[in-house]
Amino acid sequence: MKTSYFTMMIYAAIWFFATVHAAPAANAKPSGRIENKNTVAVPASSAPAYRYSSKGKADPFKPFMETDIAVITKRNEEQKRRQTKTVAGTLSPLQKDAISRFVLVGIVGDFKERIAVVEDKAANRHYPIFPGTYIGQNGGRVETILADRVIVKEIVQDENTQNKKQQYLTIEILLHNDQ
């Protein structure tokens, strides 16, 4: 009798499943152990149970970008508050004294970028200043540096609480101040 290759493969598969996956004997008692001929018997309960902990891991369902406008504005306000706290918390020597105490000694640079040097006569120290440098006790900030002067803007504390806009006082420190 001539059998085809396909028929032989089906018979081999049936024989394989019948011998490998044979039902346990009827008189065998379940012992709670996993037994295999090639391995040592190990109790089923000895393997530790896996527990997932999300501590220290990113939330995979949290979006990368925040789209809620209220949350974005709140976050921006908190960043501004933190920046002002760090600026107010660490004072440079330029911020500890009044602006009138400093004398403008020199200005270096061209019309694109200038650096000025001020001197504290009492401490006999020189400090370089750039646009954006804080100077003075009232929160003054260097606005611009011109060829012969430095312009500083200070925030004016207004007693009137109805006025919401901040007012600024412009102070000019001249290079060749007549003394």
Protein backbone atom coordinates (compact mmCIF):
# COMPACT_ATOMS: atom_id res chain seq x y z
CA MET A 1 0.00 0.00 0.00
CA LYS A 2 1.31 3.29 -1.00
CA THR A 3 0.83 6.16 1.54
CA SER A 4 1.54 9.75 0.87
CA TYR A 5 3.96 11.92 2.77
CA PHE A 6 1.11 14.04 4.15
CA THR A 7 -0.69 10.97 5.56
CA MET A 8 2.50 9.79 7.25
CA MET A 9 2.94 13.18 8.91
CA ILE A 10 -0.61 13.07 10.27
CA TYR A 11 -0.02 9.58 11.73
CA ALA A 12 3.26 10.75 13.31
CA ALA A 13 1.56 13.77 14.90
CA ILE A 14 -1.22 11.62 16.34
CA TRP A 15 1.30 9.15 17.76
CA PHE A 16 3.38 12.02 19.25
CA PHE A 17 0.44 13.65 21.00
CA ALA A 18 -0.89 10.29 22.21
CA THR A 19 2.40 9.26 23.84
CA VAL A 20 3.64 12.61 25.18
CA HIS A 21 0.35 13.95 26.46
CA ALA A 22 -0.94 10.71 27.83
CA ALA A 23 -3.38 10.99 30.68
CA PRO A 24 -2.00 10.21 34.17
CA ALA A 25 -2.76 6.85 35.61
CA ALA A 26 -6.05 6.53 37.42
CA ASN A 27 -4.46 5.35 40.66
CA ALA A 28 -1.86 8.21 40.77
CA LYS A 29 -2.41 10.73 43.54
CA PRO A 30 -1.71 14.46 42.96
CA SER A 31 1.20 15.39 45.21
CA GLY A 32 1.30 19.15 44.61
CA ARG A 33 4.71 18.79 43.03
CA ILE A 34 5.75 19.37 39.50
CA GLU A 35 7.69 16.35 38.37
CA ASN A 36 9.63 15.78 35.23
CA LYS A 37 11.93 12.88 34.46
CA ASN A 38 14.88 15.17 33.74
CA THR A 39 14.53 17.54 36.69
CA VAL A 40 14.41 17.34 40.42
CA ALA A 41 10.98 17.56 42.04
CA VAL A 42 10.29 21.11 43.28
CA PRO A 43 7.27 22.17 45.28
CA ALA A 44 4.96 24.43 43.27
CA SER A 45 4.75 27.08 46.03
CA SER A 46 8.52 27.74 46.32
CA ALA A 47 8.67 30.21 43.39
CA PRO A 48 8.24 33.83 44.60
CA ALA A 49 5.21 35.67 43.29
CA TYR A 50 6.00 38.64 41.04
CA ARG A 51 4.66 41.98 42.22
CA TYR A 52 4.78 45.13 40.07
CA SER A 53 5.80 48.34 41.79
CA SER A 54 5.29 51.65 39.99
CA LYS A 55 7.48 53.50 42.49
CA GLY A 56 10.08 55.60 40.66
CA LYS A 57 8.68 54.78 37.21
CA ALA A 58 7.00 57.10 34.75
CA ASP A 59 3.27 56.78 34.13
CA PRO A 60 3.00 55.34 30.60
CA PHE A 61 -0.48 56.82 30.12
CA LYS A 62 0.44 60.40 31.07
CA PRO A 63 0.75 62.61 27.96
CA PHE A 64 4.15 64.11 27.14
CA MET A 65 2.70 67.58 26.64
CA GLU A 66 0.16 69.31 28.83
CA THR A 67 -2.76 70.70 26.83
CA ASP A 68 -4.86 72.22 29.60
CA ILE A 69 -4.34 76.01 29.58
CA ALA A 70 -5.03 76.40 33.31
CA VAL A 71 -2.33 73.86 34.19
CA ILE A 72 0.17 75.51 31.81
CA THR A 73 -0.38 78.99 33.28
CA LYS A 74 -0.14 77.64 36.83
CA ARG A 75 3.17 75.91 36.00
CA ASN A 76 4.55 79.11 34.42
CA GLU A 77 3.57 81.17 37.49
CA GLU A 78 5.32 78.67 39.77
CA GLN A 79 8.49 78.88 37.67
CA LYS A 80 8.45 82.69 37.85
CA ARG A 81 7.93 82.55 41.62
CA ARG A 82 10.87 80.15 42.03
CA GLN A 83 13.10 82.37 39.90
CA THR A 84 12.27 85.46 41.96
CA LYS A 85 12.91 83.53 45.18
CA THR A 86 16.36 82.48 44.01
CA VAL A 87 17.17 86.02 42.89
CA ALA A 88 15.93 87.46 46.18
CA GLY A 89 17.61 84.75 48.26
CA THR A 90 21.14 85.18 46.90
CA LEU A 91 22.36 88.76 46.89
CA SER A 92 25.49 89.79 45.07
CA PRO A 93 27.71 92.57 46.46
CA LEU A 94 26.14 94.87 43.87
CA GLN A 95 22.70 94.32 45.41
CA LYS A 96 23.71 94.92 49.02
CA ASP A 97 24.41 98.64 48.64
CA ALA A 98 22.63 101.62 47.07
CA ILE A 99 23.34 102.52 43.44
CA SER A 100 24.70 105.92 44.47
CA ARG A 101 27.60 104.17 46.24
CA PHE A 102 28.99 102.79 42.95
CA VAL A 103 31.09 104.86 40.54
CA LEU A 104 31.23 104.01 36.82
CA VAL A 105 34.90 103.53 35.98
CA GLY A 106 34.90 102.32 32.38
CA ILE A 107 32.92 100.96 29.44
CA VAL A 108 34.35 98.45 26.95
CA GLY A 109 32.89 97.10 23.70
CA ASP A 110 31.11 98.23 20.57
CA PHE A 111 27.51 99.23 19.86
CA LYS A 112 26.39 95.56 19.77
CA GLU A 113 27.76 94.43 23.13
CA ARG A 114 29.20 96.53 25.92
CA ILE A 115 30.54 95.73 29.37
CA ALA A 116 30.80 98.35 32.09
CA VAL A 117 32.94 98.33 35.23
CA VAL A 118 31.77 99.96 38.46
CA GLU A 119 33.84 100.57 41.57
CA ASP A 120 32.79 100.41 45.18
CA LYS A 121 34.96 103.15 46.74
CA ALA A 122 34.33 102.04 50.33
CA ALA A 123 35.35 98.41 49.72
CA ASN A 124 37.88 99.34 46.99
CA ARG A 125 36.49 96.62 44.66
CA HIS A 126 35.62 96.62 40.97
CA TYR A 127 32.64 94.75 39.46
CA PRO A 128 31.81 94.11 35.78
CA ILE A 129 28.18 94.68 34.82
CA PHE A 130 26.24 93.59 31.76
CA PRO A 131 22.70 94.30 30.53
CA GLY A 132 20.42 92.36 32.90
CA THR A 133 22.74 92.57 35.95
CA TYR A 134 20.96 93.31 39.23
CA ILE A 135 22.34 96.34 41.06
CA GLY A 136 21.13 98.35 44.06
CA GLN A 137 18.99 97.55 47.07
CA ASN A 138 15.66 98.26 45.36
CA GLY A 139 15.87 95.53 42.73
CA GLY A 140 17.44 97.66 40.01
CA ARG A 141 18.49 96.02 36.79
CA VAL A 142 20.90 97.28 34.14
CA GLU A 143 18.74 98.09 31.12
CA THR A 144 21.32 99.31 28.60
CA ILE A 145 24.96 100.31 28.49
CA LEU A 146 25.70 103.29 26.25
CA ALA A 147 29.06 104.75 25.29
CA ASP A 148 29.10 107.24 28.20
CA ARG A 149 26.49 105.97 30.69
CA VAL A 150 24.68 103.00 32.18
CA ILE A 151 20.89 103.06 32.44
CA VAL A 152 19.37 101.19 35.39
CA LYS A 153 15.64 100.60 35.97
CA GLU A 154 14.28 100.10 39.47
CA ILE A 155 10.78 98.99 40.39
CA VAL A 156 8.97 101.70 42.35
CA GLN A 157 6.93 100.42 45.28
CA ASP A 158 3.52 102.07 44.94
CA GLU A 159 1.42 102.47 48.09
CA ASN A 160 -1.73 102.63 45.96
CA THR A 161 -2.96 99.03 45.63
CA GLN A 162 -5.50 99.93 42.93
CA ASN A 163 -2.71 100.51 40.42
CA LYS A 164 -1.87 97.06 38.99
CA LYS A 165 0.94 98.21 36.65
CA GLN A 166 4.48 98.30 37.93
CA GLN A 167 6.19 101.64 37.68
CA TYR A 168 9.89 101.98 37.01
CA LEU A 169 12.42 104.60 38.01
CA THR A 170 15.19 105.19 35.46
CA ILE A 171 18.62 105.94 36.93
CA GLU A 172 21.60 106.98 34.82
CA ILE A 173 25.16 106.42 36.02
CA LEU A 174 27.47 108.72 34.04
CA LEU A 175 31.01 107.73 33.10
CA HIS A 176 32.61 111.14 33.66
CA ASN A 177 30.68 112.33 36.67
CA ASP A 178 31.84 115.79 37.81
CA GLN A 179 32.77 115.42 41.45
